[in-house]
């Protein structure tokens, strides 16, 4: 083979080797990126689950607080009615 051809062939082989290395590097980086994305998605999913549990627990507590407030309000209304009844009864009694 002529020397010019050997040189061109050698350069072509070098370019092929460089391209293969670049392709392998890109493949490795792609794999690492995929692993990182999976980790991020997993953490987001876990955070969403924890957040959902927190919201559910908070809503349950707020429901219980609301029930307690309604109960207290009913108790105050009953006590007020009882006191008004006692006051009315004492007014009717002679001094």
C-alpha atoms as a PDB file:
ATOM      1  CA  UNK A   1       0.000   0.000   0.000  1.00  0.00           C
ATOM      2  CA  UNK A   2       1.179   3.491  -0.694  1.00  0.00           C
ATOM      3  CA  UNK A   3       2.334   5.550   2.293  1.00  0.00           C
ATOM      4  CA  UNK A   4      -0.429   8.149   1.796  1.00  0.00           C
ATOM      5  CA  UNK A   5      -3.061   5.470   1.993  1.00  0.00           C
ATOM      6  CA  UNK A   6      -1.572   4.004   5.160  1.00  0.00           C
ATOM      7  CA  UNK A   7      -1.553   7.428   6.753  1.00  0.00           C
ATOM      8  CA  UNK A   8      -5.182   8.083   5.774  1.00  0.00           C
ATOM      9  CA  UNK A   9      -6.164   4.639   7.026  1.00  0.00           C
ATOM     10  CA  UNK A  10      -4.358   5.258  10.305  1.00  0.00           C
ATOM     11  CA  UNK A  11      -6.111   8.635  10.745  1.00  0.00           C
ATOM     12  CA  UNK A  12      -9.430   7.013   9.885  1.00  0.00           C
ATOM     13  CA  UNK A  13      -8.815   4.273  12.464  1.00  0.00           C
ATOM     14  CA  UNK A  14      -7.874   6.938  15.051  1.00  0.00           C
ATOM     15  CA  UNK A  15     -11.129   8.770  14.332  1.00  0.00           C
ATOM     16  CA  UNK A  16     -13.070   5.516  14.684  1.00  0.00           C
ATOM     17  CA  UNK A  17     -11.371   4.802  18.003  1.00  0.00           C
ATOM     18  CA  UNK A  18     -12.051   8.341  19.220  1.00  0.00           C
ATOM     19  CA  UNK A  19     -15.679   8.035  18.150  1.00  0.00           C
ATOM     20  CA  UNK A  20     -16.006   4.710  19.954  1.00  0.00           C
ATOM     21  CA  UNK A  21     -14.536   6.189  23.137  1.00  0.00           C
ATOM     22  CA  UNK A  22     -16.874   9.162  22.882  1.00  0.00           C
ATOM     23  CA  UNK A  23     -19.824   6.837  22.369  1.00  0.00           C
ATOM     24  CA  UNK A  24     -18.810   4.754  25.395  1.00  0.00           C
ATOM     25  CA  UNK A  25     -18.394   7.899  27.514  1.00  0.00           C
ATOM     26  CA  UNK A  26     -21.818   9.134  26.407  1.00  0.00           C
ATOM     27  CA  UNK A  27     -23.310   5.736  27.227  1.00  0.00           C
ATOM     28  CA  UNK A  28     -21.708   5.751  30.691  1.00  0.00           C
ATOM     29  CA  UNK A  29     -22.923   9.281  31.371  1.00  0.00           C
ATOM     30  CA  UNK A  30     -26.392   8.361  30.163  1.00  0.00           C
ATOM     31  CA  UNK A  31     -26.479   5.421  32.569  1.00  0.00           C
ATOM     32  CA  UNK A  32     -25.370   7.597  35.487  1.00  0.00           C
ATOM     33  CA  UNK A  33     -27.921  10.237  34.566  1.00  0.00           C
ATOM     34  CA  UNK A  34     -30.640   7.600  34.426  1.00  0.00           C
ATOM     35  CA  UNK A  35     -29.630   6.344  37.889  1.00  0.00           C
ATOM     36  CA  UNK A  36     -29.679   9.885  39.279  1.00  0.00           C
ATOM     37  CA  UNK A  37     -33.106  10.553  37.767  1.00  0.00           C
ATOM     38  CA  UNK A  38     -34.405   7.330  39.287  1.00  0.00           C
ATOM     39  CA  UNK A  39     -33.042   8.423  42.678  1.00  0.00           C
ATOM     40  CA  UNK A  40     -34.666  11.843  42.357  1.00  0.00           C
ATOM     41  CA  UNK A  41     -37.997  10.332  41.286  1.00  0.00           C
ATOM     42  CA  UNK A  42     -37.866   7.897  44.208  1.00  0.00           C
ATOM     43  CA  UNK A  43     -37.162  10.699  46.670  1.00  0.00           C
ATOM     44  CA  UNK A  44     -39.975  12.794  45.194  1.00  0.00           C
ATOM     45  CA  UNK A  45     -42.353   9.871  45.475  1.00  0.00           C
ATOM     46  CA  UNK A  46     -41.340   9.251  49.085  1.00  0.00           C
ATOM     47  CA  UNK A  47     -41.713  12.946  49.896  1.00  0.00           C
ATOM     48  CA  UNK A  48     -45.163  13.011  48.298  1.00  0.00           C
ATOM     49  CA  UNK A  49     -46.200   9.986  50.358  1.00  0.00           C
ATOM     50  CA  UNK A  50     -44.919  11.559  53.572  1.00  0.00           C
ATOM     51  CA  UNK A  51     -46.646  14.828  52.695  1.00  0.00           C
ATOM     52  CA  UNK A  52     -49.916  13.020  51.975  1.00  0.00           C
ATOM     53  CA  UNK A  53     -49.741  11.213  55.327  1.00  0.00           C
ATOM     54  CA  UNK A  54     -49.032  14.495  57.102  1.00  0.00           C
ATOM     55  CA  UNK A  55     -51.962  16.212  55.395  1.00  0.00           C
ATOM     56  CA  UNK A  56     -54.295  13.335  56.227  1.00  0.00           C
ATOM     57  CA  UNK A  57     -53.201  13.313  59.873  1.00  0.00           C
ATOM     58  CA  UNK A  58     -53.567  17.103  60.064  1.00  0.00           C
ATOM     59  CA  UNK A  59     -57.056  17.005  58.567  1.00  0.00           C
ATOM     60  CA  UNK A  60     -58.043  14.269  61.020  1.00  0.00           C
ATOM     61  CA  UNK A  61     -56.802  16.386  63.934  1.00  0.00           C
ATOM     62  CA  UNK A  62     -58.644  19.426  62.616  1.00  0.00           C
ATOM     63  CA  UNK A  63     -61.836  17.359  62.347  1.00  0.00           C
ATOM     64  CA  UNK A  64     -61.442  16.304  65.984  1.00  0.00           C
ATOM     65  CA  UNK A  65     -60.804  19.914  67.030  1.00  0.00           C
ATOM     66  CA  UNK A  66     -63.919  21.006  65.158  1.00  0.00           C
ATOM     67  CA  UNK A  67     -65.944  18.258  66.855  1.00  0.00           C
ATOM     68  CA  UNK A  68     -64.600  19.396  70.234  1.00  0.00           C
ATOM     69  CA  UNK A  69     -65.514  23.010  69.495  1.00  0.00           C
ATOM     70  CA  UNK A  70     -69.049  21.980  68.528  1.00  0.00           C
ATOM     71  CA  UNK A  71     -69.284  19.937  71.735  1.00  0.00           C
ATOM     72  CA  UNK A  72     -68.046  22.862  73.827  1.00  0.00           C
ATOM     73  CA  UNK A  73     -70.459  25.209  72.093  1.00  0.00           C
ATOM     74  CA  UNK A  74     -73.355  22.868  72.845  1.00  0.00           C
ATOM     75  CA  UNK A  75     -72.230  22.598  76.468  1.00  0.00           C
ATOM     76  CA  UNK A  76     -72.024  26.391  76.821  1.00  0.00           C
ATOM     77  CA  UNK A  77     -75.484  26.740  75.279  1.00  0.00           C
ATOM     78  CA  UNK A  78     -76.896  24.166  77.707  1.00  0.00           C
ATOM     79  CA  UNK A  79     -75.189  25.849  80.679  1.00  0.00           C
ATOM     80  CA  UNK A  80     -76.503  29.241  79.571  1.00  0.00           C
ATOM     81  CA  UNK A  81     -80.019  27.857  79.292  1.00  0.00           C
ATOM     82  CA  UNK A  82     -79.707  26.270  82.742  1.00  0.00           C
ATOM     83  CA  UNK A  83     -78.484  29.508  84.295  1.00  0.00           C
ATOM     84  CA  UNK A  84     -81.254  31.489  82.618  1.00  0.00           C
ATOM     85  CA  UNK A  85     -83.766  28.995  83.960  1.00  0.00           C
ATOM     86  CA  UNK A  86     -82.355  29.350  87.485  1.00  0.00           C
ATOM     87  CA  UNK A  87     -82.442  33.153  87.250  1.00  0.00           C
ATOM     88  CA  UNK A  88     -86.057  33.070  86.026  1.00  0.00           C
ATOM     89  CA  UNK A  89     -87.030  30.707  88.832  1.00  0.00           C
ATOM     90  CA  UNK A  90     -85.443  32.948  91.465  1.00  0.00           C
ATOM     91  CA  UNK A  91     -87.236  35.989  90.057  1.00  0.00           C
ATOM     92  CA  UNK A  92     -90.567  34.191  90.482  1.00  0.00           C
ATOM     93  CA  UNK A  93     -89.915  33.330  94.079  1.00  0.00           C
ATOM     94  CA  UNK A  94     -90.975  35.903  96.635  1.00  0.00           C
ATOM     95  CA  UNK A  95     -88.136  37.631  98.436  1.00  0.00           C
END
